[in-house]
Amino acid sequence: LGAIESLDLDILIEMNGYTQHARPELVAHSKTSLRISFLGFAHSLMSSFIDLLVTDSTATPTDLWRSPERAMVFPLSFYLTNHASSFHSSHLSSPSALPYV
């Protein structure tokens, strides 16, 4: 959390929700002006620490919206990929196969 706060961010985008290895407590304790949930978890976190959820009407039907977050609803889809083109770690022979930047 100290590393995030030292960056003096205005916006923090949370991308894991309540998935494996997620750390929503970092977002919850952040002092950023705007905290957004996007991409990794397509549903509301039902938490007061998220200000805005980026979603679409398929993942989050607006007529059923009962969440503390405000919803930014994209008209078609907010998720711009599919499982067929997703990259999986099994494609790597080892971590050393990753390019060095």
PDB file of N, CA and C in Angstrom:
ATOM      1  N   LEU A   1       0.835  -1.197   0.000  1.00  0.00           N
ATOM      2  CA  LEU A   1       0.000   0.000   0.000  1.00  0.00           C
ATOM      3  C   LEU A   1       0.873   1.252   0.000  1.00  0.00           C
ATOM      4  N   GLY A   2       1.960   1.218   0.715  1.00  0.00           N
ATOM      5  CA  GLY A   2       2.861   2.365   0.757  1.00  0.00           C
ATOM      6  C   GLY A   2       3.397   2.728  -0.618  1.00  0.00           C
ATOM      7  N   ALA A   3       3.686   1.713  -1.439  1.00  0.00           N
ATOM      8  CA  ALA A   3       4.187   1.971  -2.790  1.00  0.00           C
ATOM      9  C   ALA A   3       3.128   2.662  -3.641  1.00  0.00           C
ATOM     10  N   ILE A   4       1.873   2.246  -3.493  1.00  0.00           N
ATOM     11  CA  ILE A   4       0.785   2.872  -4.255  1.00  0.00           C
ATOM     12  C   ILE A   4       0.605   4.319  -3.803  1.00  0.00           C
ATOM     13  N   GLU A   5       0.575   4.532  -2.506  1.00  0.00           N
ATOM     14  CA  GLU A   5       0.380   5.880  -1.979  1.00  0.00           C
ATOM     15  C   GLU A   5       1.525   6.806  -2.362  1.00  0.00           C
ATOM     16  N   SER A   6       2.737   6.276  -2.455  1.00  0.00           N
ATOM     17  CA  SER A   6       3.887   7.119  -2.800  1.00  0.00           C
ATOM     18  C   SER A   6       3.802   7.648  -4.226  1.00  0.00           C
ATOM     19  N   LEU A   7       2.987   7.024  -5.072  1.00  0.00           N
ATOM     20  CA  LEU A   7       2.830   7.480  -6.455  1.00  0.00           C
ATOM     21  C   LEU A   7       1.900   8.686  -6.568  1.00  0.00           C
ATOM     22  N   ASP A   8       1.175   9.000  -5.513  1.00  0.00           N
ATOM     23  CA  ASP A   8       0.259  10.136  -5.490  1.00  0.00           C
ATOM     24  C   ASP A   8      -0.718  10.087  -6.675  1.00  0.00           C
ATOM     25  N   LEU A   9      -1.395   8.949  -6.822  1.00  0.00           N
ATOM     26  CA  LEU A   9      -2.318   8.732  -7.938  1.00  0.00           C
ATOM     27  C   LEU A   9      -3.655   9.419  -7.700  1.00  0.00           C
ATOM     28  N   ASP A  10      -4.285   9.855  -8.782  1.00  0.00           N
ATOM     29  CA  ASP A  10      -5.652  10.374  -8.712  1.00  0.00           C
ATOM     30  C   ASP A  10      -6.664   9.278  -9.005  1.00  0.00           C
ATOM     31  N   ILE A  11      -6.267   8.310  -9.849  1.00  0.00           N
ATOM     32  CA  ILE A  11      -7.154   7.223 -10.255  1.00  0.00           C
ATOM     33  C   ILE A  11      -6.437   5.894 -10.036  1.00  0.00           C
ATOM     34  N   LEU A  12      -7.149   4.944  -9.425  1.00  0.00           N
ATOM     35  CA  LEU A  12      -6.617   3.599  -9.229  1.00  0.00           C
ATOM     36  C   LEU A  12      -7.597   2.624  -9.869  1.00  0.00           C
ATOM     37  N   ILE A  13      -7.106   1.787 -10.779  1.00  0.00           N
ATOM     38  CA  ILE A  13      -7.966   0.834 -11.478  1.00  0.00           C
ATOM     39  C   ILE A  13      -7.702  -0.560 -10.931  1.00  0.00           C
ATOM     40  N   GLU A  14      -8.738  -1.148 -10.362  1.00  0.00           N
ATOM     41  CA  GLU A  14      -8.694  -2.486  -9.786  1.00  0.00           C
ATOM     42  C   GLU A  14      -9.109  -3.458 -10.880  1.00  0.00           C
ATOM     43  N   MET A  15      -8.303  -4.506 -11.128  1.00  0.00           N
ATOM     44  CA  MET A  15      -8.574  -5.385 -12.256  1.00  0.00           C
ATOM     45  C   MET A  15      -8.759  -6.849 -11.882  1.00  0.00           C
ATOM     46  N   ASN A  16      -8.891  -7.169 -10.604  1.00  0.00           N
ATOM     47  CA  ASN A  16      -9.013  -8.568 -10.217  1.00  0.00           C
ATOM     48  C   ASN A  16     -10.298  -8.914  -9.491  1.00  0.00           C
ATOM     49  N   GLY A  17     -10.960  -7.954  -8.903  1.00  0.00           N
ATOM     50  CA  GLY A  17     -12.181  -8.250  -8.164  1.00  0.00           C
ATOM     51  C   GLY A  17     -11.910  -9.195  -7.017  1.00  0.00           C
ATOM     52  N   TYR A  18     -12.761 -10.193  -6.869  1.00  0.00           N
ATOM     53  CA  TYR A  18     -12.581 -11.204  -5.829  1.00  0.00           C
ATOM     54  C   TYR A  18     -12.122 -12.503  -6.474  1.00  0.00           C
ATOM     55  N   THR A  19     -11.083 -12.434  -7.277  1.00  0.00           N
ATOM     56  CA  THR A  19     -10.541 -13.618  -7.930  1.00  0.00           C
ATOM     57  C   THR A  19      -9.278 -14.064  -7.205  1.00  0.00           C
ATOM     58  N   GLN A  20      -8.727 -15.168  -7.643  1.00  0.00           N
ATOM     59  CA  GLN A  20      -7.515 -15.710  -7.016  1.00  0.00           C
ATOM     60  C   GLN A  20      -6.382 -14.691  -7.083  1.00  0.00           C
ATOM     61  N   HIS A  21      -5.684 -14.521  -6.014  1.00  0.00           N
ATOM     62  CA  HIS A  21      -4.543 -13.609  -5.868  1.00  0.00           C
ATOM     63  C   HIS A  21      -4.933 -12.135  -5.896  1.00  0.00           C
ATOM     64  N   ALA A  22      -6.206 -11.839  -5.833  1.00  0.00           N
ATOM     65  CA  ALA A  22      -6.656 -10.442  -5.807  1.00  0.00           C
ATOM     66  C   ALA A  22      -6.290  -9.814  -4.461  1.00  0.00           C
ATOM     67  N   ARG A  23      -6.152  -8.496  -4.462  1.00  0.00           N
ATOM     68  CA  ARG A  23      -5.833  -7.792  -3.222  1.00  0.00           C
ATOM     69  C   ARG A  23      -6.742  -6.571  -3.084  1.00  0.00           C
ATOM     70  N   PRO A  24      -8.061  -6.790  -2.962  1.00  0.00           N
ATOM     71  CA  PRO A  24      -8.986  -5.662  -2.897  1.00  0.00           C
ATOM     72  C   PRO A  24      -8.739  -4.752  -1.696  1.00  0.00           C
ATOM     73  N   GLU A  25      -8.065  -5.262  -0.672  1.00  0.00           N
ATOM     74  CA  GLU A  25      -7.772  -4.423   0.490  1.00  0.00           C
ATOM     75  C   GLU A  25      -6.849  -3.258   0.135  1.00  0.00           C
ATOM     76  N   LEU A  26      -6.018  -3.421  -0.901  1.00  0.00           N
ATOM     77  CA  LEU A  26      -5.165  -2.315  -1.337  1.00  0.00           C
ATOM     78  C   LEU A  26      -6.009  -1.170  -1.885  1.00  0.00           C
ATOM     79  N   VAL A  27      -7.035  -1.518  -2.629  1.00  0.00           N
ATOM     80  CA  VAL A  27      -7.938  -0.503  -3.175  1.00  0.00           C
ATOM     81  C   VAL A  27      -8.763   0.105  -2.043  1.00  0.00           C
ATOM     82  N   ALA A  28      -9.212  -0.735  -1.138  1.00  0.00           N
ATOM     83  CA  ALA A  28     -10.058  -0.269  -0.035  1.00  0.00           C
ATOM     84  C   ALA A  28      -9.351   0.769   0.827  1.00  0.00           C
ATOM     85  N   HIS A  29      -8.057   0.618   1.021  1.00  0.00           N
ATOM     86  CA  HIS A  29      -7.311   1.534   1.888  1.00  0.00           C
ATOM     87  C   HIS A  29      -6.605   2.651   1.124  1.00  0.00           C
ATOM     88  N   SER A  30      -6.743   2.663  -0.192  1.00  0.00           N
ATOM     89  CA  SER A  30      -6.111   3.700  -0.998  1.00  0.00           C
ATOM     90  C   SER A  30      -6.816   5.037  -0.809  1.00  0.00           C
ATOM     91  N   LYS A  31      -6.053   6.096  -0.903  1.00  0.00           N
ATOM     92  CA  LYS A  31      -6.614   7.438  -0.763  1.00  0.00           C
ATOM     93  C   LYS A  31      -6.765   8.141  -2.116  1.00  0.00           C
ATOM     94  N   THR A  32      -6.777   7.371  -3.209  1.00  0.00           N
ATOM     95  CA  THR A  32      -6.946   7.973  -4.532  1.00  0.00           C
ATOM     96  C   THR A  32      -8.342   8.582  -4.657  1.00  0.00           C
ATOM     97  N   SER A  33      -8.459   9.565  -5.533  1.00  0.00           N
ATOM     98  CA  SER A  33      -9.727  10.274  -5.717  1.00  0.00           C
ATOM     99  C   SER A  33     -10.799   9.411  -6.365  1.00  0.00           C
ATOM    100  N   LEU A  34     -10.373   8.537  -7.286  1.00  0.00           N
ATOM    101  CA  LEU A  34     -11.329   7.717  -8.032  1.00  0.00           C
ATOM    102  C   LEU A  34     -10.798   6.292  -8.103  1.00  0.00           C
ATOM    103  N   ARG A  35     -11.602   5.330  -7.646  1.00  0.00           N
ATOM    104  CA  ARG A  35     -11.232   3.913  -7.668  1.00  0.00           C
ATOM    105  C   ARG A  35     -12.205   3.185  -8.588  1.00  0.00           C
ATOM    106  N   ILE A  36     -11.644   2.549  -9.620  1.00  0.00           N
ATOM    107  CA  ILE A  36     -12.438   1.934 -10.681  1.00  0.00           C
ATOM    108  C   ILE A  36     -12.188   0.433 -10.717  1.00  0.00           C
ATOM    109  N   SER A  37     -13.246  -0.353 -10.904  1.00  0.00           N
ATOM    110  CA  SER A  37     -13.123  -1.788 -11.118  1.00  0.00           C
ATOM    111  C   SER A  37     -13.338  -2.057 -12.599  1.00  0.00           C
ATOM    112  N   PHE A  38     -12.383  -2.751 -13.229  1.00  0.00           N
ATOM    113  CA  PHE A  38     -12.424  -2.933 -14.677  1.00  0.00           C
ATOM    114  C   PHE A  38     -11.792  -4.252 -15.082  1.00  0.00           C
ATOM    115  N   LEU A  39     -12.411  -4.950 -15.991  1.00  0.00           N
ATOM    116  CA  LEU A  39     -11.889  -6.053 -16.773  1.00  0.00           C
ATOM    117  C   LEU A  39     -11.787  -7.412 -16.099  1.00  0.00           C
ATOM    118  N   GLY A  40     -11.008  -7.569 -15.038  1.00  0.00           N
ATOM    119  CA  GLY A  40     -10.753  -8.894 -14.488  1.00  0.00           C
ATOM    120  C   GLY A  40     -11.940  -9.527 -13.786  1.00  0.00           C
ATOM    121  N   PHE A  41     -12.891  -8.724 -13.367  1.00  0.00           N
ATOM    122  CA  PHE A  41     -14.047  -9.216 -12.627  1.00  0.00           C
ATOM    123  C   PHE A  41     -15.247  -8.445 -13.142  1.00  0.00           C
ATOM    124  N   ALA A  42     -16.137  -9.112 -13.840  1.00  0.00           N
ATOM    125  CA  ALA A  42     -17.192  -8.418 -14.585  1.00  0.00           C
ATOM    126  C   ALA A  42     -18.423  -8.057 -13.770  1.00  0.00           C
ATOM    127  N   HIS A  43     -18.350  -8.182 -12.468  1.00  0.00           N
ATOM    128  CA  HIS A  43     -19.517  -7.910 -11.647  1.00  0.00           C
ATOM    129  C   HIS A  43     -19.169  -6.943 -10.528  1.00  0.00           C
ATOM    130  N   SER A  44     -20.165  -6.451  -9.879  1.00  0.00           N
ATOM    131  CA  SER A  44     -19.982  -5.552  -8.757  1.00  0.00           C
ATOM    132  C   SER A  44     -19.211  -6.228  -7.637  1.00  0.00           C
ATOM    133  N   LEU A  45     -18.382  -5.475  -6.953  1.00  0.00           N
ATOM    134  CA  LEU A  45     -17.722  -5.984  -5.750  1.00  0.00           C
ATOM    135  C   LEU A  45     -18.599  -5.747  -4.529  1.00  0.00           C
ATOM    136  N   MET A  46     -19.714  -5.047  -4.734  1.00  0.00           N
ATOM    137  CA  MET A  46     -20.641  -4.706  -3.651  1.00  0.00           C
ATOM    138  C   MET A  46     -19.901  -4.038  -2.501  1.00  0.00           C
ATOM    139  N   SER A  47     -19.012  -3.125  -2.840  1.00  0.00           N
ATOM    140  CA  SER A  47     -18.217  -2.454  -1.825  1.00  0.00           C
ATOM    141  C   SER A  47     -18.259  -0.951  -1.990  1.00  0.00           C
ATOM    142  N   SER A  48     -18.236  -0.295  -0.884  1.00  0.00           N
ATOM    143  CA  SER A  48     -18.246   1.167  -0.905  1.00  0.00           C
ATOM    144  C   SER A  48     -16.895   1.736  -1.311  1.00  0.00           C
ATOM    145  N   PHE A  49     -15.840   0.923  -1.338  1.00  0.00           N
ATOM    146  CA  PHE A  49     -14.526   1.460  -1.703  1.00  0.00           C
ATOM    147  C   PHE A  49     -14.297   1.544  -3.209  1.00  0.00           C
ATOM    148  N   ILE A  50     -15.179   0.979  -4.023  1.00  0.00           N
ATOM    149  CA  ILE A  50     -15.101   1.127  -5.479  1.00  0.00           C
ATOM    150  C   ILE A  50     -16.087   2.211  -5.881  1.00  0.00           C
ATOM    151  N   ASP A  51     -15.606   3.211  -6.618  1.00  0.00           N
ATOM    152  CA  ASP A  51     -16.457   4.321  -7.036  1.00  0.00           C
ATOM    153  C   ASP A  51     -17.186   4.031  -8.339  1.00  0.00           C
ATOM    154  N   LEU A  52     -16.531   3.307  -9.244  1.00  0.00           N
ATOM    155  CA  LEU A  52     -17.069   3.131 -10.586  1.00  0.00           C
ATOM    156  C   LEU A  52     -16.748   1.739 -11.099  1.00  0.00           C
ATOM    157  N   LEU A  53     -17.727   1.073 -11.694  1.00  0.00           N
ATOM    158  CA  LEU A  53     -17.538  -0.234 -12.313  1.00  0.00           C
ATOM    159  C   LEU A  53     -17.694  -0.074 -13.814  1.00  0.00           C
ATOM    160  N   VAL A  54     -16.697  -0.491 -14.584  1.00  0.00           N
ATOM    161  CA  VAL A  54     -16.784  -0.485 -16.046  1.00  0.00           C
ATOM    162  C   VAL A  54     -17.377  -1.828 -16.443  1.00  0.00           C
ATOM    163  N   THR A  55     -18.488  -1.795 -17.162  1.00  0.00           N
ATOM    164  CA  THR A  55     -19.211  -3.031 -17.473  1.00  0.00           C
ATOM    165  C   THR A  55     -20.026  -2.859 -18.753  1.00  0.00           C
ATOM    166  N   ASP A  56     -20.856  -3.838 -19.065  1.00  0.00           N
ATOM    167  CA  ASP A  56     -21.810  -3.720 -20.167  1.00  0.00           C
ATOM    168  C   ASP A  56     -23.146  -4.284 -19.697  1.00  0.00           C
ATOM    169  N   SER A  57     -24.168  -4.121 -20.495  1.00  0.00           N
ATOM    170  CA  SER A  57     -25.509  -4.510 -20.051  1.00  0.00           C
ATOM    171  C   SER A  57     -25.707  -6.025 -20.012  1.00  0.00           C
ATOM    172  N   THR A  58     -24.810  -6.794 -20.634  1.00  0.00           N
ATOM    173  CA  THR A  58     -24.898  -8.249 -20.541  1.00  0.00           C
ATOM    174  C   THR A  58     -24.360  -8.729 -19.195  1.00  0.00           C
ATOM    175  N   ALA A  59     -23.192  -8.235 -18.820  1.00  0.00           N
ATOM    176  CA  ALA A  59     -22.580  -8.630 -17.552  1.00  0.00           C
ATOM    177  C   ALA A  59     -23.326  -8.036 -16.365  1.00  0.00           C
ATOM    178  N   THR A  60     -23.848  -6.838 -16.562  1.00  0.00           N
ATOM    179  CA  THR A  60     -24.518  -6.130 -15.476  1.00  0.00           C
ATOM    180  C   THR A  60     -25.814  -5.517 -15.987  1.00  0.00           C
ATOM    181  N   PRO A  61     -26.910  -6.241 -15.962  1.00  0.00           N
ATOM    182  CA  PRO A  61     -28.186  -5.671 -16.408  1.00  0.00           C
ATOM    183  C   PRO A  61     -28.540  -4.448 -15.557  1.00  0.00           C
ATOM    184  N   THR A  62     -28.660  -3.297 -16.186  1.00  0.00           N
ATOM    185  CA  THR A  62     -28.869  -2.058 -15.436  1.00  0.00           C
ATOM    186  C   THR A  62     -30.216  -2.019 -14.719  1.00  0.00           C
ATOM    187  N   ASP A  63     -31.202  -2.761 -15.203  1.00  0.00           N
ATOM    188  CA  ASP A  63     -32.488  -2.765 -14.505  1.00  0.00           C
ATOM    189  C   ASP A  63     -32.424  -3.543 -13.193  1.00  0.00           C
ATOM    190  N   LEU A  64     -31.351  -4.318 -13.005  1.00  0.00           N
ATOM    191  CA  LEU A  64     -31.165  -5.070 -11.768  1.00  0.00           C
ATOM    192  C   LEU A  64     -30.071  -4.474 -10.883  1.00  0.00           C
ATOM    193  N   TRP A  65     -29.550  -3.312 -11.274  1.00  0.00           N
ATOM    194  CA  TRP A  65     -28.397  -2.727 -10.593  1.00  0.00           C
ATOM    195  C   TRP A  65     -28.749  -2.284  -9.180  1.00  0.00           C
ATOM    196  N   ARG A  66     -28.165  -2.930  -8.207  1.00  0.00           N
ATOM    197  CA  ARG A  66     -28.356  -2.605  -6.794  1.00  0.00           C
ATOM    198  C   ARG A  66     -27.004  -2.660  -6.107  1.00  0.00           C
ATOM    199  N   SER A  67     -26.154  -1.740  -6.423  1.00  0.00           N
ATOM    200  CA  SER A  67     -24.788  -1.793  -5.925  1.00  0.00           C
ATOM    201  C   SER A  67     -24.325  -0.412  -5.488  1.00  0.00           C
ATOM    202  N   PRO A  68     -23.388  -0.355  -4.551  1.00  0.00           N
ATOM    203  CA  PRO A  68     -22.875   0.952  -4.136  1.00  0.00           C
ATOM    204  C   PRO A  68     -22.019   1.630  -5.204  1.00  0.00           C
ATOM    205  N   GLU A  69     -21.458   0.866  -6.141  1.00  0.00           N
ATOM    206  CA  GLU A  69     -20.656   1.473  -7.204  1.00  0.00           C
ATOM    207  C   GLU A  69     -21.554   2.110  -8.259  1.00  0.00           C
ATOM    208  N   ARG A  70     -21.063   3.160  -8.859  1.00  0.00           N
ATOM    209  CA  ARG A  70     -21.728   3.682 -10.046  1.00  0.00           C
ATOM    210  C   ARG A  70     -21.269   2.836 -11.222  1.00  0.00           C
ATOM    211  N   ALA A  71     -22.128   2.624 -12.197  1.00  0.00           N
ATOM    212  CA  ALA A  71     -21.782   1.787 -13.350  1.00  0.00           C
ATOM    213  C   ALA A  71     -21.535   2.639 -14.583  1.00  0.00           C
ATOM    214  N   MET A  72     -20.418   2.407 -15.262  1.00  0.00           N
ATOM    215  CA  MET A  72     -20.158   2.982 -16.574  1.00  0.00           C
ATOM    216  C   MET A  72     -20.462   1.857 -17.556  1.00  0.00           C
ATOM    217  N   VAL A  73     -21.634   1.914 -18.169  1.00  0.00           N
ATOM    218  CA  VAL A  73     -22.122   0.814 -18.998  1.00  0.00           C
ATOM    219  C   VAL A  73     -21.786   1.079 -20.463  1.00  0.00           C
ATOM    220  N   PHE A  74     -20.956   0.208 -21.039  1.00  0.00           N
ATOM    221  CA  PHE A  74     -20.621   0.317 -22.458  1.00  0.00           C
ATOM    222  C   PHE A  74     -21.788  -0.240 -23.267  1.00  0.00           C
ATOM    223  N   PRO A  75     -22.091   0.341 -24.431  1.00  0.00           N
ATOM    224  CA  PRO A  75     -23.277  -0.062 -25.184  1.00  0.00           C
ATOM    225  C   PRO A  75     -23.199  -1.476 -25.763  1.00  0.00           C
ATOM    226  N   LEU A  76     -22.031  -1.947 -26.132  1.00  0.00           N
ATOM    227  CA  LEU A  76     -21.924  -3.288 -26.711  1.00  0.00           C
ATOM    228  C   LEU A  76     -21.184  -4.217 -25.754  1.00  0.00           C
ATOM    229  N   SER A  77     -19.889  -4.022 -25.619  1.00  0.00           N
ATOM    230  CA  SER A  77     -19.120  -4.859 -24.706  1.00  0.00           C
ATOM    231  C   SER A  77     -17.906  -4.100 -24.208  1.00  0.00           C
ATOM    232  N   PHE A  78     -17.607  -4.265 -22.936  1.00  0.00           N
ATOM    233  CA  PHE A  78     -16.421  -3.656 -22.361  1.00  0.00           C
ATOM    234  C   PHE A  78     -15.234  -4.608 -22.438  1.00  0.00           C
ATOM    235  N   TYR A  79     -15.482  -5.878 -22.731  1.00  0.00           N
ATOM    236  CA  TYR A  79     -14.448  -6.900 -22.720  1.00  0.00           C
ATOM    237  C   TYR A  79     -14.022  -7.173 -24.149  1.00  0.00           C
ATOM    238  N   LEU A  80     -12.828  -6.776 -24.491  1.00  0.00           N
ATOM    239  CA  LEU A  80     -12.407  -6.765 -25.887  1.00  0.00           C
ATOM    240  C   LEU A  80     -11.511  -7.936 -26.266  1.00  0.00           C
ATOM    241  N   THR A  81     -11.869  -9.127 -25.858  1.00  0.00           N
ATOM    242  CA  THR A  81     -11.118 -10.325 -26.224  1.00  0.00           C
ATOM    243  C   THR A  81     -12.039 -11.529 -26.131  1.00  0.00           C
ATOM    244  N   ASN A  82     -11.501 -12.676 -26.412  1.00  0.00           N
ATOM    245  CA  ASN A  82     -12.260 -13.907 -26.245  1.00  0.00           C
ATOM    246  C   ASN A  82     -11.312 -15.005 -25.772  1.00  0.00           C
ATOM    247  N   HIS A  83     -11.848 -16.086 -25.275  1.00  0.00           N
ATOM    248  CA  HIS A  83     -11.008 -17.141 -24.729  1.00  0.00           C
ATOM    249  C   HIS A  83     -10.147 -17.810 -25.800  1.00  0.00           C
ATOM    250  N   ALA A  84     -10.620 -17.865 -27.031  1.00  0.00           N
ATOM    251  CA  ALA A  84      -9.853 -18.513 -28.091  1.00  0.00           C
ATOM    252  C   ALA A  84      -8.540 -17.783 -28.359  1.00  0.00           C
ATOM    253  N   SER A  85      -8.521 -16.458 -28.180  1.00  0.00           N
ATOM    254  CA  SER A  85      -7.302 -15.706 -28.455  1.00  0.00           C
ATOM    255  C   SER A  85      -6.547 -15.325 -27.187  1.00  0.00           C
ATOM    256  N   SER A  86      -6.999 -15.819 -26.039  1.00  0.00           N
ATOM    257  CA  SER A  86      -6.326 -15.501 -24.778  1.00  0.00           C
ATOM    258  C   SER A  86      -4.975 -16.189 -24.704  1.00  0.00           C
ATOM    259  N   PHE A  87      -4.028 -15.532 -24.060  1.00  0.00           N
ATOM    260  CA  PHE A  87      -2.706 -16.107 -23.848  1.00  0.00           C
ATOM    261  C   PHE A  87      -2.729 -16.890 -22.551  1.00  0.00           C
ATOM    262  N   HIS A  88      -2.145 -18.036 -22.539  1.00  0.00           N
ATOM    263  CA  HIS A  88      -2.091 -18.851 -21.326  1.00  0.00           C
ATOM    264  C   HIS A  88      -0.633 -19.134 -20.987  1.00  0.00           C
ATOM    265  N   SER A  89      -0.316 -19.146 -19.706  1.00  0.00           N
ATOM    266  CA  SER A  89       1.064 -19.342 -19.276  1.00  0.00           C
ATOM    267  C   SER A  89       1.634 -20.684 -19.729  1.00  0.00           C
ATOM    268  N   SER A  90       0.785 -21.650 -20.056  1.00  0.00           N
ATOM    269  CA  SER A  90       1.298 -22.944 -20.512  1.00  0.00           C
ATOM    270  C   SER A  90       2.020 -22.827 -21.856  1.00  0.00           C
ATOM    271  N   HIS A  91       1.845 -21.701 -22.550  1.00  0.00           N
ATOM    272  CA  HIS A  91       2.548 -21.495 -23.818  1.00  0.00           C
ATOM    273  C   HIS A  91       4.031 -21.194 -23.606  1.00  0.00           C
ATOM    274  N   LEU A  92       4.414 -20.880 -22.391  1.00  0.00           N
ATOM    275  CA  LEU A  92       5.811 -20.577 -22.107  1.00  0.00           C
ATOM    276  C   LEU A  92       6.539 -21.831 -21.669  1.00  0.00           C
ATOM    277  N   SER A  93       7.748 -22.009 -22.155  1.00  0.00           N
ATOM    278  CA  SER A  93       8.524 -23.158 -21.716  1.00  0.00           C
ATOM    279  C   SER A  93       9.080 -22.927 -20.319  1.00  0.00           C
ATOM    280  N   SER A  94       9.367 -21.668 -20.000  1.00  0.00           N
ATOM    281  CA  SER A  94       9.839 -21.313 -18.664  1.00  0.00           C
ATOM    282  C   SER A  94       9.741 -19.796 -18.524  1.00  0.00           C
ATOM    283  N   PRO A  95       9.815 -19.279 -17.311  1.00  0.00           N
ATOM    284  CA  PRO A  95       9.785 -17.824 -17.146  1.00  0.00           C
ATOM    285  C   PRO A  95      10.907 -17.121 -17.903  1.00  0.00           C
ATOM    286  N   SER A  96      12.018 -17.812 -18.100  1.00  0.00           N
ATOM    287  CA  SER A  96      13.146 -17.199 -18.835  1.00  0.00           C
ATOM    288  C   SER A  96      12.813 -17.007 -20.315  1.00  0.00           C
ATOM    289  N   ALA A  97      11.717 -17.611 -20.790  1.00  0.00           N
ATOM    290  CA  ALA A  97      11.314 -17.429 -22.190  1.00  0.00           C
ATOM    291  C   ALA A  97      10.657 -16.082 -22.438  1.00  0.00           C
ATOM    292  N   LEU A  98      10.353 -15.372 -21.352  1.00  0.00           N
ATOM    293  CA  LEU A  98       9.758 -14.040 -21.518  1.00  0.00           C
ATOM    294  C   LEU A  98      10.796 -13.051 -22.004  1.00  0.00           C
ATOM    295  N   PRO A  99      10.423 -12.141 -22.883  1.00  0.00           N
ATOM    296  CA  PRO A  99      11.396 -11.141 -23.358  1.00  0.00           C
ATOM    297  C   PRO A  99      11.808 -10.203 -22.236  1.00  0.00           C
ATOM    298  N   TYR A 100      13.048  -9.835 -22.237  1.00  0.00           N
ATOM    299  CA  TYR A 100      13.547  -8.888 -21.245  1.00  0.00           C
ATOM    300  C   TYR A 100      13.328  -7.481 -21.760  1.00  0.00           C
ATOM    301  N   VAL A 101      12.720  -6.636 -20.940  1.00  0.00           N
ATOM    302  CA  VAL A 101      12.475  -5.240 -21.335  1.00  0.00           C
ATOM    303  C   VAL A 101      13.292  -4.326 -20.465  1.00  0.00           C
TER     304      VAL A 101
END
